[in-house]
Amino acid sequence: MPQFSFAGLGAMLDPLFIVNWLAQESRFKWQLLGSDITVAASNGVPLNVDTEWPAPADLDSVFVLASFETKTYTGDKRIAMWLRQCAAAGVALGGIEMGSEVLAAAGVLDEHQVAVHWDNLEGFRELYPRIQATSDLYRIAGQRLSCAGGTAVLDMMFAWLTPRVEPPYMEELRNHLLERRQRRGDSEQLSAAPEHHVETSAQLRKVIRTMRRTLETPLSAPALAALVGLSPRQLERRFKAELGVTPIRYYLWLRINRAHRLLQQTDLSVAEVASCAGFGSLEHFSRAYRRFFGCAPSDDRLQSRDAPVVPVRLFPVKR
């Protein structure tokens, strides 16, 4: 799909090429498909693709790669019908990063567990309640594969290739890619988040987990402090020492980021998004949003390369 991850494509195809090279035969063959003759990756590199798509009966597997602006083509009827035909023909279907949303929109992932990138997880769950979206790195279950993206694509390819390739070839593949590890598919994303960090105090971890669970109905500073037996002043000192911000500021950062994702990834109204992020007043929500992103919420409705992102200077940083 337009603006796919160039790195994700390389992580998929390089292992296949290396196995072919090591075996000195074409164990795997692939074809790059798209709606237009040239498809540009998110980094701007153009890629020539075939616009005449094979009959599903001629295929073993189809992987969909997508990253930005997924909302603009999930309604493409040609893509959806072809993917449904592939599913009916028993073709294995895989979604890389937001390629899973393209599959979901085609209706071929219902009742499946799907690994979704953490930045898109909330929006995905809102749009596709019949799918069990997870924060796993990747999922391989029968004829359905999904990967959150990034370096996890290589982990997924190792797992996918293992039953298809003899062990000596897999060993050499790892050697040539300089990668001896293979993370489990159910490994959790965002392991470096403060609430998962071993250096974060147990009290802060508990407070942050509570914050994430209560974004729609934010708790007061005294209520958060009471959860861990501290006074509001003590909790504020802990947050400043460990994360460089006050607890209320960190809470606001979590809520604004939820709003940011829901605005870009779903068709919820601005008022509905404000409510999902714990803002009872649209005026308050708009002011807070402008402070973080420099634009009105109504001007931030598509997840694209040019859309606003949280300035790095506003990130909570562990000291």
Protein backbone atom coordinates (compact mmCIF):
# COMPACT_ATOMS: atom_id res chain seq x y z
CA MET A 1 0.00 0.00 0.00
CA PRO A 2 1.19 3.62 -0.50
CA GLN A 3 3.60 4.79 2.23
CA PHE A 4 4.43 1.24 3.36
CA SER A 5 7.54 0.60 5.45
CA PHE A 6 10.56 0.06 3.20
CA ALA A 7 12.40 -1.58 6.10
CA GLY A 8 9.50 -3.95 6.66
CA LEU A 9 9.61 -5.09 3.05
CA GLY A 10 13.36 -5.73 3.29
CA ALA A 11 12.93 -7.69 6.51
CA MET A 12 10.40 -9.89 4.71
CA LEU A 13 12.20 -10.48 1.43
CA ASP A 14 15.86 -10.69 2.43
CA PRO A 15 15.41 -13.93 4.40
CA LEU A 16 13.65 -15.50 1.40
CA PHE A 17 16.43 -14.41 -0.94
CA ILE A 18 19.15 -15.69 1.40
CA VAL A 19 17.50 -19.12 1.71
CA ASN A 20 17.26 -19.33 -2.09
CA TRP A 21 20.91 -18.33 -2.38
CA LEU A 22 22.09 -20.81 0.23
CA ALA A 23 20.08 -23.64 -1.33
CA GLN A 24 21.11 -22.60 -4.85
CA GLU A 25 17.54 -23.03 -6.01
CA SER A 26 14.29 -21.07 -5.98
CA ARG A 27 12.71 -22.29 -2.77
CA PHE A 28 10.64 -19.12 -2.67
CA LYS A 29 9.26 -16.85 -5.38
CA TRP A 30 7.55 -13.53 -4.80
CA GLN A 31 5.72 -10.85 -6.71
CA LEU A 32 5.14 -7.24 -5.65
CA LEU A 33 1.57 -6.07 -6.20
CA GLY A 34 -0.12 -2.69 -5.96
CA SER A 35 -2.95 -0.59 -7.34
CA ASP A 36 -0.62 1.75 -9.25
CA ILE A 37 2.45 0.91 -11.32
CA THR A 38 4.68 2.79 -8.87
CA VAL A 39 4.15 2.78 -5.10
CA ALA A 40 6.22 5.07 -2.90
CA ALA A 41 7.38 3.88 0.52
CA SER A 42 7.02 6.09 3.59
CA ASN A 43 10.65 7.18 3.12
CA GLY A 44 9.84 8.30 -0.43
CA VAL A 45 11.61 5.49 -2.30
CA PRO A 46 9.49 4.46 -5.32
CA LEU A 47 8.88 0.80 -6.05
CA ASN A 48 7.62 -0.69 -9.32
CA VAL A 49 4.81 -3.21 -8.77
CA ASP A 50 2.44 -5.33 -10.82
CA THR A 51 -1.13 -4.06 -11.10
CA GLU A 52 -2.46 -7.32 -12.59
CA TRP A 53 -3.02 -9.49 -9.54
CA PRO A 54 -2.69 -13.28 -9.81
CA ALA A 55 -5.60 -15.64 -9.31
CA PRO A 56 -5.74 -16.66 -5.63
CA ALA A 57 -5.38 -20.34 -6.63
CA ASP A 58 -1.87 -19.55 -7.90
CA LEU A 59 -0.68 -18.18 -4.55
CA ASP A 60 0.52 -19.70 -1.30
CA SER A 61 0.62 -16.54 0.83
CA VAL A 62 -0.24 -12.85 0.56
CA PHE A 63 1.31 -10.22 2.81
CA VAL A 64 -0.14 -6.73 2.99
CA LEU A 65 2.27 -3.93 3.94
CA ALA A 66 0.93 -0.56 5.04
CA SER A 67 1.96 2.20 7.44
CA PHE A 68 0.51 5.68 6.92
CA GLU A 69 -2.87 6.99 5.73
CA THR A 70 -4.52 3.59 6.03
CA LYS A 71 -7.95 5.19 6.38
CA THR A 72 -7.77 6.45 2.79
CA TYR A 73 -7.79 2.99 1.21
CA THR A 74 -9.45 0.55 3.64
CA GLY A 75 -12.64 1.16 1.66
CA ASP A 76 -11.10 0.04 -1.66
CA LYS A 77 -13.59 -2.56 -2.96
CA ARG A 78 -11.15 -4.18 -5.39
CA ILE A 79 -8.62 -4.87 -2.66
CA ALA A 80 -11.24 -6.15 -0.22
CA MET A 81 -12.85 -8.48 -2.77
CA TRP A 82 -9.51 -9.92 -3.89
CA LEU A 83 -8.43 -10.54 -0.29
CA ARG A 84 -11.74 -12.28 0.45
CA GLN A 85 -11.22 -14.45 -2.63
CA CYS A 86 -7.73 -15.32 -1.36
CA ALA A 87 -9.16 -16.27 2.03
CA ALA A 88 -11.81 -18.46 0.38
CA ALA A 89 -9.11 -20.20 -1.68
CA GLY A 90 -7.13 -21.07 1.47
CA VAL A 91 -4.32 -18.58 0.85
CA ALA A 92 -2.39 -17.60 3.99
CA LEU A 93 -2.92 -13.89 4.71
CA GLY A 94 -0.46 -11.73 6.63
CA GLY A 95 -0.62 -8.10 7.74
CA ILE A 96 2.58 -6.15 8.33
CA GLU A 97 2.12 -3.12 10.59
CA MET A 98 -1.09 -1.44 9.36
CA GLY A 99 -1.47 -4.02 6.62
CA SER A 100 -3.50 -5.82 9.28
CA GLU A 101 -6.07 -3.02 9.10
CA VAL A 102 -6.45 -3.55 5.36
CA LEU A 103 -7.14 -7.23 6.07
CA ALA A 104 -9.48 -6.31 8.90
CA ALA A 105 -11.46 -3.92 6.70
CA ALA A 106 -11.85 -6.73 4.15
CA GLY A 107 -13.43 -8.87 6.87
CA VAL A 108 -10.88 -11.69 6.80
CA LEU A 109 -9.59 -11.30 10.38
CA ASP A 110 -12.85 -11.49 12.34
CA GLU A 111 -12.53 -13.55 15.54
CA HIS A 112 -8.75 -13.78 15.09
CA GLN A 113 -6.00 -12.54 17.40
CA VAL A 114 -3.99 -9.85 15.64
CA ALA A 115 -0.70 -8.20 16.64
CA VAL A 116 -1.04 -4.43 16.24
CA HIS A 117 1.60 -1.74 16.68
CA TRP A 118 1.17 0.01 20.04
CA ASP A 119 0.65 3.37 18.32
CA ASN A 120 -2.41 2.02 16.49
CA LEU A 121 -3.79 -0.39 19.08
CA GLU A 122 -6.52 1.82 20.54
CA GLY A 123 -7.78 2.99 17.17
CA PHE A 124 -7.76 -0.57 15.81
CA ARG A 125 -9.79 -1.86 18.75
CA GLU A 126 -12.30 0.93 18.29
CA LEU A 127 -12.75 0.18 14.58
CA TYR A 128 -12.72 -3.63 14.71
CA PRO A 129 -14.36 -4.91 17.90
CA ARG A 130 -14.77 -8.43 16.44
CA ILE A 131 -11.00 -8.83 16.28
CA GLN A 132 -8.86 -9.50 19.34
CA ALA A 133 -6.12 -6.92 18.84
CA THR A 134 -3.05 -7.60 20.98
CA SER A 135 0.18 -5.81 21.82
CA ASP A 136 2.19 -8.89 20.81
CA LEU A 137 5.15 -8.53 18.46
CA TYR A 138 3.61 -10.93 15.95
CA ARG A 139 1.02 -13.68 15.64
CA ILE A 140 1.05 -16.82 13.50
CA ALA A 141 -2.11 -18.90 13.75
CA GLY A 142 -2.98 -21.22 10.91
CA GLN A 143 -3.61 -19.22 7.75
CA ARG A 144 -3.42 -15.82 9.42
CA LEU A 145 -0.26 -13.89 10.29
CA SER A 146 0.15 -10.43 11.71
CA CYS A 147 3.12 -8.36 12.81
CA ALA A 148 3.31 -5.08 14.68
CA GLY A 149 6.16 -3.99 12.41
CA GLY A 150 9.68 -2.71 12.93
CA THR A 151 12.36 -5.28 13.74
CA ALA A 152 9.64 -7.76 14.74
CA VAL A 153 9.13 -8.48 11.03
CA LEU A 154 12.42 -10.39 11.04
CA ASP A 155 11.36 -12.34 14.15
CA MET A 156 8.11 -13.28 12.42
CA MET A 157 9.93 -14.38 9.28
CA PHE A 158 12.25 -16.62 11.30
CA ALA A 159 9.22 -18.22 12.95
CA TRP A 160 7.37 -18.56 9.63
CA LEU A 161 10.38 -20.09 7.86
CA THR A 162 11.36 -22.57 10.58
CA PRO A 163 8.85 -25.30 9.61
CA ARG A 164 9.54 -24.69 5.90
CA VAL A 165 13.34 -24.75 5.82
CA GLU A 166 15.86 -27.35 7.02
CA PRO A 167 17.67 -26.45 10.29
CA PRO A 168 21.13 -26.02 8.69
CA TYR A 169 19.74 -23.41 6.31
CA MET A 170 18.03 -21.60 9.19
CA GLU A 171 21.31 -21.54 11.09
CA GLU A 172 23.14 -20.06 8.11
CA LEU A 173 20.33 -17.57 7.56
CA ARG A 174 20.77 -16.30 11.11
CA ASN A 175 24.53 -16.14 10.62
CA HIS A 176 24.25 -14.09 7.43
CA LEU A 177 21.76 -11.68 9.00
CA LEU A 178 23.98 -11.39 12.10
CA GLU A 179 20.93 -12.16 14.23
CA ARG A 180 21.06 -15.08 16.64
CA ARG A 181 18.01 -14.17 18.66
CA GLN A 182 14.38 -14.79 17.83
CA ARG A 183 11.85 -13.12 20.05
CA ARG A 184 8.63 -14.95 20.84
CA GLY A 185 5.54 -13.69 19.09
CA ASP A 186 3.77 -13.01 22.38
CA SER A 187 6.61 -10.82 23.65
CA GLU A 188 5.15 -7.53 24.84
CA GLN A 189 5.69 -4.30 22.96
CA LEU A 190 6.75 -1.13 24.77
CA SER A 191 8.82 -3.00 27.33
CA ALA A 192 10.72 0.25 27.93
CA ALA A 193 7.58 2.10 29.09
CA PRO A 194 8.08 3.41 32.65
CA GLU A 195 5.59 0.99 34.18
CA HIS A 196 7.59 -1.93 32.77
CA HIS A 197 11.03 -0.57 33.62
CA VAL A 198 12.85 -2.35 36.43
CA GLU A 199 14.36 0.94 37.60
CA THR A 200 10.97 2.58 38.06
CA SER A 201 9.78 2.32 41.64
CA ALA A 202 6.94 -0.09 42.33
CA GLN A 203 4.76 2.78 43.51
CA LEU A 204 5.12 4.71 40.25
CA ARG A 205 4.55 1.59 38.20
CA LYS A 206 1.26 1.02 39.99
CA VAL A 207 0.19 4.64 39.56
CA ILE A 208 1.01 4.68 35.83
CA ARG A 209 -0.85 1.42 35.22
CA THR A 210 -3.84 2.95 37.00
CA MET A 211 -3.56 6.08 34.88
CA ARG A 212 -3.68 4.02 31.68
CA ARG A 213 -6.80 2.21 32.90
CA THR A 214 -8.61 5.44 33.80
CA LEU A 215 -7.93 7.78 30.88
CA GLU A 216 -11.67 8.29 30.26
CA THR A 217 -12.35 9.10 33.92
CA PRO A 218 -9.14 10.65 35.30
CA LEU A 219 -8.48 10.38 39.01
CA SER A 220 -7.37 13.33 41.12
CA ALA A 221 -3.81 13.73 42.37
CA PRO A 222 -4.86 12.88 45.97
CA ALA A 223 -6.64 9.73 44.73
CA LEU A 224 -3.57 8.60 42.80
CA ALA A 225 -1.33 9.24 45.78
CA ALA A 226 -3.65 7.36 48.12
CA LEU A 227 -3.33 4.25 45.90
CA VAL A 228 0.29 3.88 46.98
CA GLY A 229 0.12 5.33 50.46
CA LEU A 230 1.76 8.67 49.63
CA SER A 231 0.71 12.26 50.00
CA PRO A 232 0.15 14.26 46.78
CA ARG A 233 3.35 16.19 47.48
CA GLN A 234 5.37 12.98 47.94
CA LEU A 235 3.96 11.51 44.73
CA GLU A 236 4.84 14.69 42.83
CA ARG A 237 8.42 14.53 44.10
CA ARG A 238 8.68 10.87 43.04
CA PHE A 239 7.43 11.63 39.52
CA LYS A 240 9.77 14.60 39.09
CA ALA A 241 12.73 12.57 40.31
CA GLU A 242 12.03 9.51 38.14
CA LEU A 243 10.30 10.91 35.04
CA GLY A 244 11.03 14.62 35.13
CA VAL A 245 7.35 15.66 35.16
CA THR A 246 4.52 15.96 37.65
CA PRO A 247 1.97 13.12 37.84
CA ILE A 248 -0.80 15.39 36.50
CA ARG A 249 1.37 16.39 33.55
CA TYR A 250 2.16 12.74 32.81
CA TYR A 251 -1.55 11.86 33.06
CA LEU A 252 -2.38 14.67 30.62
CA TRP A 253 0.32 13.41 28.24
CA LEU A 254 -1.26 9.94 28.23
CA ARG A 255 -4.74 11.36 27.64
CA ILE A 256 -3.68 13.72 24.86
CA ASN A 257 -1.85 10.90 23.12
CA ARG A 258 -4.96 8.71 23.25
CA ALA A 259 -6.93 11.55 21.70
CA HIS A 260 -4.25 12.04 19.04
CA ARG A 261 -4.43 8.41 17.96
CA LEU A 262 -8.22 8.22 17.96
CA LEU A 263 -8.49 11.42 15.93
CA GLN A 264 -6.05 10.19 13.29
CA GLN A 265 -7.08 6.54 13.15
CA THR A 266 -10.87 6.53 13.59
CA ASP A 267 -13.94 8.43 12.44
CA LEU A 268 -15.10 9.28 15.97
CA SER A 269 -16.26 12.86 16.30
CA VAL A 270 -14.04 15.36 18.09
CA ALA A 271 -16.54 15.39 20.97
CA GLU A 272 -16.40 11.58 21.25
CA VAL A 273 -12.62 11.62 21.20
CA ALA A 274 -12.55 14.29 23.90
CA SER A 275 -14.78 12.11 26.07
CA CYS A 276 -12.60 9.03 25.47
CA ALA A 277 -9.62 11.05 26.68
CA GLY A 278 -11.35 12.26 29.84
CA PHE A 279 -12.19 15.83 28.80
CA GLY A 280 -15.61 17.03 29.87
CA SER A 281 -15.23 20.32 28.02
CA LEU A 282 -14.52 20.65 24.30
CA GLU A 283 -12.97 24.05 24.91
CA HIS A 284 -10.56 22.62 27.49
CA PHE A 285 -9.73 19.73 25.15
CA SER A 286 -9.02 22.04 22.21
CA ARG A 287 -6.76 24.30 24.30
CA ALA A 288 -4.78 21.35 25.65
CA TYR A 289 -4.51 19.80 22.20
CA ARG A 290 -3.18 23.00 20.66
CA ARG A 291 -0.52 23.23 23.39
CA PHE A 292 0.78 19.78 22.50
CA PHE A 293 0.32 19.65 18.72
CA GLY A 294 -0.01 23.25 17.56
CA CYS A 295 -3.33 22.66 15.78
CA ALA A 296 -7.00 22.17 16.49
CA PRO A 297 -8.22 18.57 16.98
CA SER A 298 -10.43 18.92 13.90
CA ASP A 299 -7.32 19.57 11.79
CA ASP A 300 -5.62 16.31 12.80
CA ARG A 301 -7.78 13.57 11.30
CA LEU A 302 -5.34 11.48 9.27
CA GLN A 303 -2.25 9.51 10.33
CA SER A 304 0.20 10.68 7.70
CA ARG A 305 3.88 11.57 7.48
CA ASP A 306 2.95 15.26 7.53
CA ALA A 307 0.53 15.06 10.46
CA PRO A 308 1.50 16.62 13.82
CA VAL A 309 3.50 14.55 16.30
CA VAL A 310 4.23 15.20 19.95
CA PRO A 311 7.36 17.39 20.17
CA VAL A 312 10.26 15.42 21.63
CA ARG A 313 10.81 18.13 24.23
CA LEU A 314 7.43 17.19 25.75
CA PHE A 315 8.25 13.50 26.21
CA PRO A 316 8.50 12.37 29.84
CA VAL A 317 12.11 11.27 30.26
CA LYS A 318 13.41 8.84 32.87
CA ARG A 319 16.23 10.44 34.84
